[in-house]
Amino acid sequence: MKSAYDIILKPVITEQSMEATEEKKYVFKVAPDANKSEIKKAVEEIFGVKVEKVNTLRMEGKMKRQGAAPAGRRASWKKAMVKLTADSKTIEFFEGMV
């Protein structure tokens, strides 16, 4: 069985994701084979919050090249947008970044 730290790999820190933290929405890079219920349980276990909803999205790797070398591809990954319930506390990890 996978642990919560195997499912939630790292937070996604972008301008758009930081603006969403005001509405208690947080974005994480997750394991590609994780489903929504596993992601919900992992976030609740790691951060001690109540999750209302989880949306997932597969991010396609971008094509990259340098000079005349043949084009390569960045790795594809999976992103999860997690919305917390109204009565839940916020995730303190994101507090100082906004």
PDB file of N, CA and C in Angstrom:
ATOM      1  N   MET A   1       0.843  -1.192   0.000  1.00  0.00           N
ATOM      2  CA  MET A   1       0.000   0.000   0.000  1.00  0.00           C
ATOM      3  C   MET A   1       0.879   1.243   0.000  1.00  0.00           C
ATOM      4  N   LYS A   2       0.490   2.235  -0.778  1.00  0.00           N
ATOM      5  CA  LYS A   2       1.270   3.466  -0.873  1.00  0.00           C
ATOM      6  C   LYS A   2       0.994   4.377   0.319  1.00  0.00           C
ATOM      7  N   SER A   3       2.031   5.080   0.745  1.00  0.00           N
ATOM      8  CA  SER A   3       1.834   6.053   1.816  1.00  0.00           C
ATOM      9  C   SER A   3       1.343   7.366   1.211  1.00  0.00           C
ATOM     10  N   ALA A   4       0.903   8.271   2.057  1.00  0.00           N
ATOM     11  CA  ALA A   4       0.403   9.563   1.591  1.00  0.00           C
ATOM     12  C   ALA A   4       1.498  10.357   0.896  1.00  0.00           C
ATOM     13  N   TYR A   5       2.744  10.159   1.325  1.00  0.00           N
ATOM     14  CA  TYR A   5       3.861  10.897   0.737  1.00  0.00           C
ATOM     15  C   TYR A   5       4.274  10.326  -0.625  1.00  0.00           C
ATOM     16  N   ASP A   6       3.846   9.110  -0.941  1.00  0.00           N
ATOM     17  CA  ASP A   6       4.060   8.563  -2.279  1.00  0.00           C
ATOM     18  C   ASP A   6       3.029   9.103  -3.268  1.00  0.00           C
ATOM     19  N   ILE A   7       1.882   9.527  -2.765  1.00  0.00           N
ATOM     20  CA  ILE A   7       0.808  10.038  -3.622  1.00  0.00           C
ATOM     21  C   ILE A   7       0.996  11.523  -3.884  1.00  0.00           C
ATOM     22  N   ILE A   8       1.202  12.331  -2.841  1.00  0.00           N
ATOM     23  CA  ILE A   8       1.421  13.776  -2.994  1.00  0.00           C
ATOM     24  C   ILE A   8       2.924  13.980  -3.143  1.00  0.00           C
ATOM     25  N   LEU A   9       3.362  14.373  -4.350  1.00  0.00           N
ATOM     26  CA  LEU A   9       4.796  14.495  -4.611  1.00  0.00           C
ATOM     27  C   LEU A   9       5.349  15.859  -4.221  1.00  0.00           C
ATOM     28  N   LYS A  10       4.686  16.955  -4.657  1.00  0.00           N
ATOM     29  CA  LYS A  10       5.144  18.292  -4.282  1.00  0.00           C
ATOM     30  C   LYS A  10       4.063  19.307  -4.627  1.00  0.00           C
ATOM     31  N   PRO A  11       4.084  20.482  -3.994  1.00  0.00           N
ATOM     32  CA  PRO A  11       3.115  21.518  -4.338  1.00  0.00           C
ATOM     33  C   PRO A  11       3.510  22.204  -5.644  1.00  0.00           C
ATOM     34  N   VAL A  12       2.521  22.730  -6.334  1.00  0.00           N
ATOM     35  CA  VAL A  12       2.767  23.511  -7.546  1.00  0.00           C
ATOM     36  C   VAL A  12       2.677  24.973  -7.157  1.00  0.00           C
ATOM     37  N   ILE A  13       3.803  25.699  -7.269  1.00  0.00           N
ATOM     38  CA  ILE A  13       3.875  27.095  -6.855  1.00  0.00           C
ATOM     39  C   ILE A  13       3.931  27.961  -8.107  1.00  0.00           C
ATOM     40  N   THR A  14       2.785  28.502  -8.497  1.00  0.00           N
ATOM     41  CA  THR A  14       2.707  29.422  -9.624  1.00  0.00           C
ATOM     42  C   THR A  14       1.866  30.616  -9.191  1.00  0.00           C
ATOM     43  N   GLU A  15       1.882  31.646  -9.996  1.00  0.00           N
ATOM     44  CA  GLU A  15       1.104  32.837  -9.671  1.00  0.00           C
ATOM     45  C   GLU A  15      -0.388  32.509  -9.600  1.00  0.00           C
ATOM     46  N   GLN A  16      -0.848  31.730 -10.544  1.00  0.00           N
ATOM     47  CA  GLN A  16      -2.262  31.370 -10.590  1.00  0.00           C
ATOM     48  C   GLN A  16      -2.659  30.482  -9.411  1.00  0.00           C
ATOM     49  N   SER A  17      -1.815  29.521  -9.039  1.00  0.00           N
ATOM     50  CA  SER A  17      -2.153  28.637  -7.930  1.00  0.00           C
ATOM     51  C   SER A  17      -2.098  29.379  -6.590  1.00  0.00           C
ATOM     52  N   MET A  18      -1.239  30.373  -6.471  1.00  0.00           N
ATOM     53  CA  MET A  18      -1.163  31.140  -5.228  1.00  0.00           C
ATOM     54  C   MET A  18      -2.388  32.051  -5.055  1.00  0.00           C
ATOM     55  N   GLU A  19      -2.940  32.561  -6.145  1.00  0.00           N
ATOM     56  CA  GLU A  19      -4.162  33.362  -6.055  1.00  0.00           C
ATOM     57  C   GLU A  19      -5.341  32.494  -5.620  1.00  0.00           C
ATOM     58  N   ALA A  20      -5.339  31.236  -5.995  1.00  0.00           N
ATOM     59  CA  ALA A  20      -6.429  30.327  -5.643  1.00  0.00           C
ATOM     60  C   ALA A  20      -6.417  29.949  -4.165  1.00  0.00           C
ATOM     61  N   THR A  21      -5.302  30.143  -3.467  1.00  0.00           N
ATOM     62  CA  THR A  21      -5.245  29.781  -2.047  1.00  0.00           C
ATOM     63  C   THR A  21      -6.185  30.633  -1.206  1.00  0.00           C
ATOM     64  N   GLU A  22      -6.547  31.825  -1.684  1.00  0.00           N
ATOM     65  CA  GLU A  22      -7.500  32.670  -0.960  1.00  0.00           C
ATOM     66  C   GLU A  22      -8.882  32.017  -0.905  1.00  0.00           C
ATOM     67  N   GLU A  23      -9.198  31.166  -1.885  1.00  0.00           N
ATOM     68  CA  GLU A  23     -10.475  30.460  -1.931  1.00  0.00           C
ATOM     69  C   GLU A  23     -10.348  29.037  -1.391  1.00  0.00           C
ATOM     70  N   LYS A  24      -9.258  28.747  -0.684  1.00  0.00           N
ATOM     71  CA  LYS A  24      -8.952  27.431  -0.119  1.00  0.00           C
ATOM     72  C   LYS A  24      -8.822  26.368  -1.207  1.00  0.00           C
ATOM     73  N   LYS A  25      -8.184  26.730  -2.321  1.00  0.00           N
ATOM     74  CA  LYS A  25      -7.885  25.783  -3.387  1.00  0.00           C
ATOM     75  C   LYS A  25      -6.364  25.656  -3.480  1.00  0.00           C
ATOM     76  N   TYR A  26      -5.877  24.427  -3.492  1.00  0.00           N
ATOM     77  CA  TYR A  26      -4.446  24.175  -3.512  1.00  0.00           C
ATOM     78  C   TYR A  26      -4.109  23.202  -4.641  1.00  0.00           C
ATOM     79  N   VAL A  27      -2.928  23.360  -5.231  1.00  0.00           N
ATOM     80  CA  VAL A  27      -2.523  22.554  -6.375  1.00  0.00           C
ATOM     81  C   VAL A  27      -1.279  21.741  -6.006  1.00  0.00           C
ATOM     82  N   PHE A  28      -1.307  20.446  -6.354  1.00  0.00           N
ATOM     83  CA  PHE A  28      -0.207  19.544  -6.049  1.00  0.00           C
ATOM     84  C   PHE A  28       0.152  18.709  -7.271  1.00  0.00           C
ATOM     85  N   LYS A  29       1.434  18.344  -7.377  1.00  0.00           N
ATOM     86  CA  LYS A  29       1.872  17.335  -8.333  1.00  0.00           C
ATOM     87  C   LYS A  29       1.689  16.004  -7.624  1.00  0.00           C
ATOM     88  N   VAL A  30       1.000  15.067  -8.280  1.00  0.00           N
ATOM     89  CA  VAL A  30       0.673  13.791  -7.643  1.00  0.00           C
ATOM     90  C   VAL A  30       1.175  12.628  -8.487  1.00  0.00           C
ATOM     91  N   ALA A  31       1.152  11.455  -7.914  1.00  0.00           N
ATOM     92  CA  ALA A  31       1.566  10.242  -8.618  1.00  0.00           C
ATOM     93  C   ALA A  31       0.622  10.001  -9.798  1.00  0.00           C
ATOM     94  N   PRO A  32       1.156   9.619 -10.950  1.00  0.00           N
ATOM     95  CA  PRO A  32       0.325   9.443 -12.144  1.00  0.00           C
ATOM     96  C   PRO A  32      -0.764   8.376 -12.004  1.00  0.00           C
ATOM     97  N   ASP A  33      -0.562   7.390 -11.140  1.00  0.00           N
ATOM     98  CA  ASP A  33      -1.557   6.328 -10.991  1.00  0.00           C
ATOM     99  C   ASP A  33      -2.494   6.547  -9.799  1.00  0.00           C
ATOM    100  N   ALA A  34      -2.423   7.711  -9.150  1.00  0.00           N
ATOM    101  CA  ALA A  34      -3.279   8.002  -7.995  1.00  0.00           C
ATOM    102  C   ALA A  34      -4.663   8.435  -8.470  1.00  0.00           C
ATOM    103  N   ASN A  35      -5.700   7.978  -7.757  1.00  0.00           N
ATOM    104  CA  ASN A  35      -7.055   8.412  -8.100  1.00  0.00           C
ATOM    105  C   ASN A  35      -7.534   9.477  -7.107  1.00  0.00           C
ATOM    106  N   LYS A  36      -8.718  10.019  -7.351  1.00  0.00           N
ATOM    107  CA  LYS A  36      -9.202  11.147  -6.554  1.00  0.00           C
ATOM    108  C   LYS A  36      -9.396  10.796  -5.080  1.00  0.00           C
ATOM    109  N   SER A  37      -9.891   9.619  -4.790  1.00  0.00           N
ATOM    110  CA  SER A  37     -10.115   9.246  -3.388  1.00  0.00           C
ATOM    111  C   SER A  37      -8.788   9.069  -2.645  1.00  0.00           C
ATOM    112  N   GLU A  38      -7.773   8.527  -3.317  1.00  0.00           N
ATOM    113  CA  GLU A  38      -6.456   8.396  -2.694  1.00  0.00           C
ATOM    114  C   GLU A  38      -5.837   9.764  -2.434  1.00  0.00           C
ATOM    115  N   ILE A  39      -5.994  10.686  -3.376  1.00  0.00           N
ATOM    116  CA  ILE A  39      -5.459  12.040  -3.223  1.00  0.00           C
ATOM    117  C   ILE A  39      -6.149  12.741  -2.060  1.00  0.00           C
ATOM    118  N   LYS A  40      -7.459  12.602  -1.959  1.00  0.00           N
ATOM    119  CA  LYS A  40      -8.224  13.217  -0.862  1.00  0.00           C
ATOM    120  C   LYS A  40      -7.734  12.711   0.494  1.00  0.00           C
ATOM    121  N   LYS A  41      -7.595  11.391   0.641  1.00  0.00           N
ATOM    122  CA  LYS A  41      -7.134  10.809   1.905  1.00  0.00           C
ATOM    123  C   LYS A  41      -5.714  11.260   2.231  1.00  0.00           C
ATOM    124  N   ALA A  42      -4.849  11.352   1.221  1.00  0.00           N
ATOM    125  CA  ALA A  42      -3.457  11.747   1.444  1.00  0.00           C
ATOM    126  C   ALA A  42      -3.363  13.188   1.922  1.00  0.00           C
ATOM    127  N   VAL A  43      -4.114  14.111   1.305  1.00  0.00           N
ATOM    128  CA  VAL A  43      -4.081  15.521   1.719  1.00  0.00           C
ATOM    129  C   VAL A  43      -4.632  15.669   3.132  1.00  0.00           C
ATOM    130  N   GLU A  44      -5.716  14.965   3.434  1.00  0.00           N
ATOM    131  CA  GLU A  44      -6.292  15.034   4.785  1.00  0.00           C
ATOM    132  C   GLU A  44      -5.324  14.488   5.826  1.00  0.00           C
ATOM    133  N   GLU A  45      -4.600  13.432   5.481  1.00  0.00           N
ATOM    134  CA  GLU A  45      -3.653  12.825   6.420  1.00  0.00           C
ATOM    135  C   GLU A  45      -2.427  13.707   6.636  1.00  0.00           C
ATOM    136  N   ILE A  46      -1.859  14.247   5.559  1.00  0.00           N
ATOM    137  CA  ILE A  46      -0.622  15.021   5.667  1.00  0.00           C
ATOM    138  C   ILE A  46      -0.855  16.366   6.346  1.00  0.00           C
ATOM    139  N   PHE A  47      -1.897  17.087   5.930  1.00  0.00           N
ATOM    140  CA  PHE A  47      -2.092  18.456   6.394  1.00  0.00           C
ATOM    141  C   PHE A  47      -3.156  18.602   7.474  1.00  0.00           C
ATOM    142  N   GLY A  48      -3.913  17.574   7.771  1.00  0.00           N
ATOM    143  CA  GLY A  48      -4.934  17.644   8.820  1.00  0.00           C
ATOM    144  C   GLY A  48      -6.067  18.588   8.484  1.00  0.00           C
ATOM    145  N   VAL A  49      -6.562  18.526   7.248  1.00  0.00           N
ATOM    146  CA  VAL A  49      -7.654  19.390   6.789  1.00  0.00           C
ATOM    147  C   VAL A  49      -8.788  18.528   6.261  1.00  0.00           C
ATOM    148  N   LYS A  50      -9.946  19.158   5.953  1.00  0.00           N
ATOM    149  CA  LYS A  50     -11.075  18.456   5.349  1.00  0.00           C
ATOM    150  C   LYS A  50     -11.169  18.856   3.886  1.00  0.00           C
ATOM    151  N   VAL A  51     -11.165  17.876   2.996  1.00  0.00           N
ATOM    152  CA  VAL A  51     -11.211  18.125   1.555  1.00  0.00           C
ATOM    153  C   VAL A  51     -12.647  17.992   1.071  1.00  0.00           C
ATOM    154  N   GLU A  52     -13.098  19.005   0.320  1.00  0.00           N
ATOM    155  CA  GLU A  52     -14.446  18.986  -0.248  1.00  0.00           C
ATOM    156  C   GLU A  52     -14.450  18.331  -1.623  1.00  0.00           C
ATOM    157  N   LYS A  53     -13.463  18.692  -2.456  1.00  0.00           N
ATOM    158  CA  LYS A  53     -13.493  18.270  -3.850  1.00  0.00           C
ATOM    159  C   LYS A  53     -12.070  18.151  -4.387  1.00  0.00           C
ATOM    160  N   VAL A  54     -11.860  17.193  -5.305  1.00  0.00           N
ATOM    161  CA  VAL A  54     -10.563  17.006  -5.956  1.00  0.00           C
ATOM    162  C   VAL A  54     -10.779  16.951  -7.460  1.00  0.00           C
ATOM    163  N   ASN A  55     -10.049  17.769  -8.207  1.00  0.00           N
ATOM    164  CA  ASN A  55     -10.031  17.706  -9.667  1.00  0.00           C
ATOM    165  C   ASN A  55      -8.632  17.296 -10.082  1.00  0.00           C
ATOM    166  N   THR A  56      -8.540  16.427 -11.089  1.00  0.00           N
ATOM    167  CA  THR A  56      -7.231  15.983 -11.567  1.00  0.00           C
ATOM    168  C   THR A  56      -7.086  16.309 -13.043  1.00  0.00           C
ATOM    169  N   LEU A  57      -5.837  16.416 -13.466  1.00  0.00           N
ATOM    170  CA  LEU A  57      -5.529  16.775 -14.842  1.00  0.00           C
ATOM    171  C   LEU A  57      -4.185  16.175 -15.199  1.00  0.00           C
ATOM    172  N   ARG A  58      -4.108  15.552 -16.369  1.00  0.00           N
ATOM    173  CA  ARG A  58      -2.829  15.028 -16.861  1.00  0.00           C
ATOM    174  C   ARG A  58      -2.159  16.112 -17.683  1.00  0.00           C
ATOM    175  N   MET A  59      -0.932  16.478 -17.307  1.00  0.00           N
ATOM    176  CA  MET A  59      -0.181  17.518 -17.997  1.00  0.00           C
ATOM    177  C   MET A  59       0.763  16.858 -18.996  1.00  0.00           C
ATOM    178  N   GLU A  60       0.626  17.199 -20.262  1.00  0.00           N
ATOM    179  CA  GLU A  60       1.464  16.634 -21.315  1.00  0.00           C
ATOM    180  C   GLU A  60       2.841  17.289 -21.258  1.00  0.00           C
ATOM    181  N   GLY A  61       3.903  16.499 -21.400  1.00  0.00           N
ATOM    182  CA  GLY A  61       5.258  17.037 -21.396  1.00  0.00           C
ATOM    183  C   GLY A  61       5.502  17.899 -22.630  1.00  0.00           C
ATOM    184  N   LYS A  62       6.231  18.990 -22.457  1.00  0.00           N
ATOM    185  CA  LYS A  62       6.499  19.907 -23.569  1.00  0.00           C
ATOM    186  C   LYS A  62       7.653  19.400 -24.426  1.00  0.00           C
ATOM    187  N   MET A  63       7.612  19.723 -25.711  1.00  0.00           N
ATOM    188  CA  MET A  63       8.719  19.418 -26.614  1.00  0.00           C
ATOM    189  C   MET A  63       9.819  20.444 -26.366  1.00  0.00           C
ATOM    190  N   LYS A  64      11.047  19.993 -26.265  1.00  0.00           N
ATOM    191  CA  LYS A  64      12.191  20.870 -26.029  1.00  0.00           C
ATOM    192  C   LYS A  64      13.331  20.484 -26.959  1.00  0.00           C
ATOM    193  N   ARG A  65      14.118  21.465 -27.371  1.00  0.00           N
ATOM    194  CA  ARG A  65      15.289  21.180 -28.181  1.00  0.00           C
ATOM    195  C   ARG A  65      16.338  22.249 -27.927  1.00  0.00           C
ATOM    196  N   GLN A  66      17.591  21.925 -28.178  1.00  0.00           N
ATOM    197  CA  GLN A  66      18.692  22.867 -28.044  1.00  0.00           C
ATOM    198  C   GLN A  66      19.510  22.814 -29.317  1.00  0.00           C
ATOM    199  N   GLY A  67      19.562  23.916 -30.013  1.00  0.00           N
ATOM    200  CA  GLY A  67      20.358  23.998 -31.228  1.00  0.00           C
ATOM    201  C   GLY A  67      19.874  23.036 -32.288  1.00  0.00           C
ATOM    202  N   ALA A  68      20.808  22.347 -32.928  1.00  0.00           N
ATOM    203  CA  ALA A  68      20.472  21.437 -34.018  1.00  0.00           C
ATOM    204  C   ALA A  68      20.152  20.031 -33.522  1.00  0.00           C
ATOM    205  N   ALA A  69      20.222  19.811 -32.236  1.00  0.00           N
ATOM    206  CA  ALA A  69      19.960  18.481 -31.691  1.00  0.00           C
ATOM    207  C   ALA A  69      18.503  18.104 -31.930  1.00  0.00           C
ATOM    208  N   PRO A  70      18.215  16.835 -32.042  1.00  0.00           N
ATOM    209  CA  PRO A  70      16.814  16.426 -32.233  1.00  0.00           C
ATOM    210  C   PRO A  70      15.983  16.784 -30.997  1.00  0.00           C
ATOM    211  N   ALA A  71      14.730  17.030 -31.240  1.00  0.00           N
ATOM    212  CA  ALA A  71      13.834  17.454 -30.166  1.00  0.00           C
ATOM    213  C   ALA A  71      13.641  16.343 -29.144  1.00  0.00           C
ATOM    214  N   GLY A  72      13.550  16.729 -27.894  1.00  0.00           N
ATOM    215  CA  GLY A  72      13.252  15.809 -26.811  1.00  0.00           C
ATOM    216  C   GLY A  72      11.924  16.192 -26.183  1.00  0.00           C
ATOM    217  N   ARG A  73      11.547  15.517 -25.145  1.00  0.00           N
ATOM    218  CA  ARG A  73      10.275  15.802 -24.501  1.00  0.00           C
ATOM    219  C   ARG A  73      10.462  15.760 -22.993  1.00  0.00           C
ATOM    220  N   ARG A  74       9.885  16.758 -22.328  1.00  0.00           N
ATOM    221  CA  ARG A  74       9.836  16.719 -20.873  1.00  0.00           C
ATOM    222  C   ARG A  74       8.863  15.629 -20.438  1.00  0.00           C
ATOM    223  N   ALA A  75       8.990  15.180 -19.215  1.00  0.00           N
ATOM    224  CA  ALA A  75       8.126  14.120 -18.702  1.00  0.00           C
ATOM    225  C   ALA A  75       6.698  14.629 -18.507  1.00  0.00           C
ATOM    226  N   SER A  76       5.729  13.790 -18.819  1.00  0.00           N
ATOM    227  CA  SER A  76       4.337  14.102 -18.524  1.00  0.00           C
ATOM    228  C   SER A  76       4.095  13.850 -17.033  1.00  0.00           C
ATOM    229  N   TRP A  77       3.115  14.575 -16.445  1.00  0.00           N
ATOM    230  CA  TRP A  77       2.843  14.439 -15.021  1.00  0.00           C
ATOM    231  C   TRP A  77       1.372  14.677 -14.739  1.00  0.00           C
ATOM    232  N   LYS A  78       0.957  14.426 -13.509  1.00  0.00           N
ATOM    233  CA  LYS A  78      -0.441  14.571 -13.124  1.00  0.00           C
ATOM    234  C   LYS A  78      -0.566  15.645 -12.057  1.00  0.00           C
ATOM    235  N   LYS A  79      -1.574  16.503 -12.222  1.00  0.00           N
ATOM    236  CA  LYS A  79      -1.800  17.622 -11.310  1.00  0.00           C
ATOM    237  C   LYS A  79      -3.156  17.427 -10.634  1.00  0.00           C
ATOM    238  N   ALA A  80      -3.238  17.793  -9.354  1.00  0.00           N
ATOM    239  CA  ALA A  80      -4.496  17.716  -8.609  1.00  0.00           C
ATOM    240  C   ALA A  80      -4.801  19.068  -7.996  1.00  0.00           C
ATOM    241  N   MET A  81      -6.023  19.574  -8.251  1.00  0.00           N
ATOM    242  CA  MET A  81      -6.503  20.788  -7.629  1.00  0.00           C
ATOM    243  C   MET A  81      -7.452  20.382  -6.499  1.00  0.00           C
ATOM    244  N   VAL A  82      -7.120  20.759  -5.276  1.00  0.00           N
ATOM    245  CA  VAL A  82      -7.856  20.321  -4.092  1.00  0.00           C
ATOM    246  C   VAL A  82      -8.568  21.521  -3.480  1.00  0.00           C
ATOM    247  N   LYS A  83      -9.889  21.396  -3.276  1.00  0.00           N
ATOM    248  CA  LYS A  83     -10.668  22.455  -2.625  1.00  0.00           C
ATOM    249  C   LYS A  83     -11.050  21.978  -1.233  1.00  0.00           C
ATOM    250  N   LEU A  84     -10.783  22.808  -0.234  1.00  0.00           N
ATOM    251  CA  LEU A  84     -11.092  22.472   1.153  1.00  0.00           C
ATOM    252  C   LEU A  84     -12.495  22.928   1.508  1.00  0.00           C
ATOM    253  N   THR A  85     -13.073  22.334   2.541  1.00  0.00           N
ATOM    254  CA  THR A  85     -14.404  22.744   2.998  1.00  0.00           C
ATOM    255  C   THR A  85     -14.320  24.126   3.649  1.00  0.00           C
ATOM    256  N   ALA A  86     -15.455  24.782   3.769  1.00  0.00           N
ATOM    257  CA  ALA A  86     -15.498  26.144   4.321  1.00  0.00           C
ATOM    258  C   ALA A  86     -15.070  26.167   5.787  1.00  0.00           C
ATOM    259  N   ASP A  87     -15.384  25.121   6.558  1.00  0.00           N
ATOM    260  CA  ASP A  87     -15.036  25.108   7.981  1.00  0.00           C
ATOM    261  C   ASP A  87     -13.642  24.540   8.251  1.00  0.00           C
ATOM    262  N   SER A  88     -12.930  24.123   7.217  1.00  0.00           N
ATOM    263  CA  SER A  88     -11.588  23.564   7.374  1.00  0.00           C
ATOM    264  C   SER A  88     -10.555  24.675   7.560  1.00  0.00           C
ATOM    265  N   LYS A  89      -9.485  24.343   8.273  1.00  0.00           N
ATOM    266  CA  LYS A  89      -8.388  25.303   8.405  1.00  0.00           C
ATOM    267  C   LYS A  89      -7.589  25.338   7.103  1.00  0.00           C
ATOM    268  N   THR A  90      -6.783  26.371   6.918  1.00  0.00           N
ATOM    269  CA  THR A  90      -5.959  26.478   5.712  1.00  0.00           C
ATOM    270  C   THR A  90      -4.692  25.643   5.870  1.00  0.00           C
ATOM    271  N   ILE A  91      -3.992  25.404   4.764  1.00  0.00           N
ATOM    272  CA  ILE A  91      -2.735  24.676   4.793  1.00  0.00           C
ATOM    273  C   ILE A  91      -1.632  25.692   5.067  1.00  0.00           C
ATOM    274  N   GLU A  92      -0.951  25.550   6.196  1.00  0.00           N
ATOM    275  CA  GLU A  92       0.031  26.555   6.632  1.00  0.00           C
ATOM    276  C   GLU A  92       1.249  26.634   5.751  1.00  0.00           C
ATOM    277  N   PHE A  93       1.556  25.576   4.997  1.00  0.00           N
ATOM    278  CA  PHE A  93       2.717  25.567   4.104  1.00  0.00           C
ATOM    279  C   PHE A  93       2.635  26.711   3.091  1.00  0.00           C
ATOM    280  N   PHE A  94       1.446  27.039   2.626  1.00  0.00           N
ATOM    281  CA  PHE A  94       1.239  28.048   1.587  1.00  0.00           C
ATOM    282  C   PHE A  94       1.089  29.465   2.148  1.00  0.00           C
ATOM    283  N   GLU A  95       1.010  29.621   3.463  1.00  0.00           N
ATOM    284  CA  GLU A  95       0.714  30.918   4.088  1.00  0.00           C
ATOM    285  C   GLU A  95       1.723  32.006   3.728  1.00  0.00           C
ATOM    286  N   GLY A  96       3.003  31.761   3.834  1.00  0.00           N
ATOM    287  CA  GLY A  96       4.008  32.798   3.638  1.00  0.00           C
ATOM    288  C   GLY A  96       4.338  33.089   2.181  1.00  0.00           C
ATOM    289  N   MET A  97       3.751  32.350   1.250  1.00  0.00           N
ATOM    290  CA  MET A  97       4.112  32.504  -0.156  1.00  0.00           C
ATOM    291  C   MET A  97       3.231  33.487  -0.908  1.00  0.00           C
ATOM    292  N   VAL A  98       2.098  33.837  -0.339  1.00  0.00           N
ATOM    293  CA  VAL A  98       1.166  34.731  -1.039  1.00  0.00           C
ATOM    294  C   VAL A  98       1.583  36.170  -0.876  1.00  0.00           C
TER     295      VAL A  98
END
